[in-house]
C-alpha atoms as a PDB file:
ATOM      1  CA  UNK A   1      70.631  98.264  80.370  1.00  0.00           C
ATOM      2  CA  UNK A   2      73.389  98.172  81.715  1.00  0.00           C
ATOM      3  CA  UNK A   3      73.772  99.726  85.702  1.00  0.00           C
ATOM      4  CA  UNK A   4      76.854 100.193  86.856  1.00  0.00           C
ATOM      5  CA  UNK A   5      76.303 100.366  91.068  1.00  0.00           C
ATOM      6  CA  UNK A   6      79.405 101.971  93.048  1.00  0.00           C
ATOM      7  CA  UNK A   7      79.449 101.346  96.211  1.00  0.00           C
ATOM      8  CA  UNK A   8      83.022 101.929  99.396  1.00  0.00           C
ATOM      9  CA  UNK A   9      81.791  98.210 100.460  1.00  0.00           C
ATOM     10  CA  UNK A  10      80.257  94.662  98.574  1.00  0.00           C
ATOM     11  CA  UNK A  11      80.290  93.318 101.840  1.00  0.00           C
ATOM     12  CA  UNK A  12      76.901  93.376 104.473  1.00  0.00           C
ATOM     13  CA  UNK A  13      77.951  95.656 106.866  1.00  0.00           C
ATOM     14  CA  UNK A  14      75.587  97.870 106.742  1.00  0.00           C
ATOM     15  CA  UNK A  15      71.897  99.691 105.571  1.00  0.00           C
ATOM     16  CA  UNK A  16      73.366 101.043 102.049  1.00  0.00           C
ATOM     17  CA  UNK A  17      75.342  97.471 101.232  1.00  0.00           C
ATOM     18  CA  UNK A  18      71.842  95.747 101.485  1.00  0.00           C
ATOM     19  CA  UNK A  19      70.061  98.377  99.548  1.00  0.00           C
ATOM     20  CA  UNK A  20      73.013  98.420  96.814  1.00  0.00           C
ATOM     21  CA  UNK A  21      72.283  94.059  96.625  1.00  0.00           C
ATOM     22  CA  UNK A  22      68.527  94.206  96.478  1.00  0.00           C
ATOM     23  CA  UNK A  23      68.836  96.909  93.590  1.00  0.00           C
ATOM     24  CA  UNK A  24      71.237  95.008  92.010  1.00  0.00           C
ATOM     25  CA  UNK A  25      68.717  91.909  92.460  1.00  0.00           C
ATOM     26  CA  UNK A  26      65.044  94.113  91.352  1.00  0.00           C
ATOM     27  CA  UNK A  27      67.162  95.656  88.122  1.00  0.00           C
ATOM     28  CA  UNK A  28      68.046  91.611  87.739  1.00  0.00           C
ATOM     29  CA  UNK A  29      64.973  90.417  87.545  1.00  0.00           C
ATOM     30  CA  UNK A  30      64.085  93.232  85.876  1.00  0.00           C
ATOM     31  CA  UNK A  31      66.564  92.298  82.768  1.00  0.00           C
ATOM     32  CA  UNK A  32      68.872  95.439  83.289  1.00  0.00           C
ATOM     33  CA  UNK A  33      72.742  93.948  83.873  1.00  0.00           C
ATOM     34  CA  UNK A  34      74.370  94.726  86.691  1.00  0.00           C
ATOM     35  CA  UNK A  35      77.718  94.917  86.864  1.00  0.00           C
ATOM     36  CA  UNK A  36      79.508  96.840  90.376  1.00  0.00           C
ATOM     37  CA  UNK A  37      82.823  98.549  91.950  1.00  0.00           C
ATOM     38  CA  UNK A  38      83.803  98.658  95.567  1.00  0.00           C
ATOM     39  CA  UNK A  39      87.096  97.376  96.920  1.00  0.00           C
ATOM     40  CA  UNK A  40      88.307  94.066  98.315  1.00  0.00           C
ATOM     41  CA  UNK A  41      87.791  92.696 101.861  1.00  0.00           C
ATOM     42  CA  UNK A  42      87.891  88.008 102.898  1.00  0.00           C
ATOM     43  CA  UNK A  43      83.677  89.214 103.569  1.00  0.00           C
ATOM     44  CA  UNK A  44      82.610  90.399  99.940  1.00  0.00           C
ATOM     45  CA  UNK A  45      79.210  88.963  98.147  1.00  0.00           C
ATOM     46  CA  UNK A  46      80.175  86.208  95.040  1.00  0.00           C
ATOM     47  CA  UNK A  47      81.134  88.907  91.906  1.00  0.00           C
ATOM     48  CA  UNK A  48      82.672  88.460  89.022  1.00  0.00           C
ATOM     49  CA  UNK A  49      84.267  92.102  88.967  1.00  0.00           C
ATOM     50  CA  UNK A  50      86.228  91.654  92.103  1.00  0.00           C
ATOM     51  CA  UNK A  51      88.897  92.606  89.693  1.00  0.00           C
ATOM     52  CA  UNK A  52      88.405  95.577  89.279  1.00  0.00           C
ATOM     53  CA  UNK A  53      87.694  95.418  93.064  1.00  0.00           C
ATOM     54  CA  UNK A  54      90.182  97.964  94.778  1.00  0.00           C
ATOM     55  CA  UNK A  55      92.216  96.998  97.982  1.00  0.00           C
ATOM     56  CA  UNK A  56      90.396  98.036 101.558  1.00  0.00           C
ATOM     57  CA  UNK A  57      93.718  97.738 103.900  1.00  0.00           C
ATOM     58  CA  UNK A  58      95.670 100.151 101.351  1.00  0.00           C
ATOM     59  CA  UNK A  59      93.334 102.579 103.310  1.00  0.00           C
ATOM     60  CA  UNK A  60      92.215 101.227 106.189  1.00  0.00           C
ATOM     61  CA  UNK A  61      94.825 102.474 108.227  1.00  0.00           C
ATOM     62  CA  UNK A  62      94.608 103.089 112.328  1.00  0.00           C
ATOM     63  CA  UNK A  63      95.201 106.927 112.480  1.00  0.00           C
ATOM     64  CA  UNK A  64      95.731 106.879 116.453  1.00  0.00           C
ATOM     65  CA  UNK A  65      98.764 105.115 116.465  1.00  0.00           C
ATOM     66  CA  UNK A  66      99.721 107.319 112.549  1.00  0.00           C
ATOM     67  CA  UNK A  67     102.710 109.853 113.233  1.00  0.00           C
ATOM     68  CA  UNK A  68     101.302 113.410 111.810  1.00  0.00           C
ATOM     69  CA  UNK A  69     103.548 112.956 109.153  1.00  0.00           C
ATOM     70  CA  UNK A  70     101.868 109.661 108.035  1.00  0.00           C
ATOM     71  CA  UNK A  71      99.033 111.131 108.446  1.00  0.00           C
ATOM     72  CA  UNK A  72     100.583 113.799 105.655  1.00  0.00           C
ATOM     73  CA  UNK A  73     101.375 111.942 103.508  1.00  0.00           C
ATOM     74  CA  UNK A  74      97.876 109.884 103.877  1.00  0.00           C
ATOM     75  CA  UNK A  75      95.887 113.058 102.685  1.00  0.00           C
ATOM     76  CA  UNK A  76      96.211 113.373  99.518  1.00  0.00           C
ATOM     77  CA  UNK A  77      95.157 109.838  99.261  1.00  0.00           C
ATOM     78  CA  UNK A  78      91.643 110.183 101.100  1.00  0.00           C
ATOM     79  CA  UNK A  79      91.002 113.180  98.958  1.00  0.00           C
ATOM     80  CA  UNK A  80      91.847 111.296  95.555  1.00  0.00           C
ATOM     81  CA  UNK A  81      92.403 107.786  95.572  1.00  0.00           C
ATOM     82  CA  UNK A  82      94.271 107.099  91.707  1.00  0.00           C
ATOM     83  CA  UNK A  83      93.871 103.485  91.943  1.00  0.00           C
ATOM     84  CA  UNK A  84      89.846 103.754  92.103  1.00  0.00           C
ATOM     85  CA  UNK A  85      90.200 105.956  89.179  1.00  0.00           C
ATOM     86  CA  UNK A  86      92.396 103.834  87.328  1.00  0.00           C
ATOM     87  CA  UNK A  87      90.447 100.102  88.085  1.00  0.00           C
ATOM     88  CA  UNK A  88      86.958 102.332  87.273  1.00  0.00           C
ATOM     89  CA  UNK A  89      88.694 103.096  84.442  1.00  0.00           C
ATOM     90  CA  UNK A  90      89.310  99.135  83.644  1.00  0.00           C
ATOM     91  CA  UNK A  91      86.184  98.086  84.299  1.00  0.00           C
ATOM     92  CA  UNK A  92      84.540 100.953  82.432  1.00  0.00           C
ATOM     93  CA  UNK A  93      86.339  99.740  79.107  1.00  0.00           C
ATOM     94  CA  UNK A  94      85.423  96.940  79.977  1.00  0.00           C
ATOM     95  CA  UNK A  95      81.114  97.032  80.569  1.00  0.00           C
ATOM     96  CA  UNK A  96      80.282 100.073  78.958  1.00  0.00           C
ATOM     97  CA  UNK A  97      77.828 100.743  81.575  1.00  0.00           C
ATOM     98  CA  UNK A  98      74.605 102.774  80.146  1.00  0.00           C
ATOM     99  CA  UNK A  99      74.306 104.703  83.694  1.00  0.00           C
ATOM    100  CA  UNK A 100      76.019 104.430  86.887  1.00  0.00           C
ATOM    101  CA  UNK A 101      74.798 104.572  90.308  1.00  0.00           C
ATOM    102  CA  UNK A 102      76.581 106.014  93.604  1.00  0.00           C
ATOM    103  CA  UNK A 103      75.819 104.368  96.964  1.00  0.00           C
ATOM    104  CA  UNK A 104      78.415 105.598  99.728  1.00  0.00           C
ATOM    105  CA  UNK A 105      81.955 106.479  97.908  1.00  0.00           C
ATOM    106  CA  UNK A 106      83.149 107.983 101.505  1.00  0.00           C
ATOM    107  CA  UNK A 107      87.095 108.697 101.711  1.00  0.00           C
ATOM    108  CA  UNK A 108      87.150 105.236 100.193  1.00  0.00           C
ATOM    109  CA  UNK A 109      86.910 105.175  96.293  1.00  0.00           C
ATOM    110  CA  UNK A 110      87.519 109.511  96.611  1.00  0.00           C
ATOM    111  CA  UNK A 111      85.665 111.676  94.018  1.00  0.00           C
ATOM    112  CA  UNK A 112      88.320 110.512  91.588  1.00  0.00           C
ATOM    113  CA  UNK A 113      85.511 107.391  90.570  1.00  0.00           C
ATOM    114  CA  UNK A 114      83.376 110.211  89.519  1.00  0.00           C
ATOM    115  CA  UNK A 115      85.954 112.010  87.001  1.00  0.00           C
ATOM    116  CA  UNK A 116      86.222 108.419  86.065  1.00  0.00           C
ATOM    117  CA  UNK A 117      83.116 108.091  84.816  1.00  0.00           C
ATOM    118  CA  UNK A 118      82.810 111.751  83.276  1.00  0.00           C
ATOM    119  CA  UNK A 119      86.017 111.117  81.109  1.00  0.00           C
ATOM    120  CA  UNK A 120      83.633 108.161  79.746  1.00  0.00           C
ATOM    121  CA  UNK A 121      80.570 110.363  79.420  1.00  0.00           C
ATOM    122  CA  UNK A 122      78.839 107.704  81.858  1.00  0.00           C
ATOM    123  CA  UNK A 123      75.765 109.794  83.884  1.00  0.00           C
ATOM    124  CA  UNK A 124      75.657 109.398  86.834  1.00  0.00           C
ATOM    125  CA  UNK A 125      72.998 108.575  89.551  1.00  0.00           C
ATOM    126  CA  UNK A 126      73.802 109.183  93.564  1.00  0.00           C
ATOM    127  CA  UNK A 127      72.071 108.345  96.609  1.00  0.00           C
ATOM    128  CA  UNK A 128      73.144 110.740  99.373  1.00  0.00           C
ATOM    129  CA  UNK A 129      71.634 107.814 102.441  1.00  0.00           C
ATOM    130  CA  UNK A 130      73.873 109.114 105.012  1.00  0.00           C
ATOM    131  CA  UNK A 131      75.197 112.632 106.759  1.00  0.00           C
ATOM    132  CA  UNK A 132      79.249 111.558 105.077  1.00  0.00           C
END
C-alpha cells in the first residue's frame, strides 16, 4: 500500500514529528511505500520528497512587529495556502498514494491540502494530537 504522511514539520521538533517518523519506519518495515509532505527547513530529515515541500519561511512571520495591514494581508494565506495545495497536487500525481494520513497541518499547510486530497479521490485519516 502507498501511504502519504502529512505534517507541518519534518524536522524533529516535538512528539508529533517523532510519532510520524516512527510510523513511517514501521510501515516501511511492513512493506508499505511511504511518502511525506511537509514544509522545507534546514533541519529536516533527508527525504526524496523534499522537492514537493513548501518553504516554511514564507509563513514564519514575526507578528509582533507586523503592521495591522500586514497581518490583514497575510490572513488569507493562513486559512488557505494555495502553494501547499499546488505542491501537494504535484506529489499526488507523481506518487498516487492509496491513503493519506494527516497529522498537524496548522497554519502552514492549511485545509487547502484536504481539498487537494479530495480532488484526487485520496482517502484521508487524521490524527489529532494537540489542541490546535
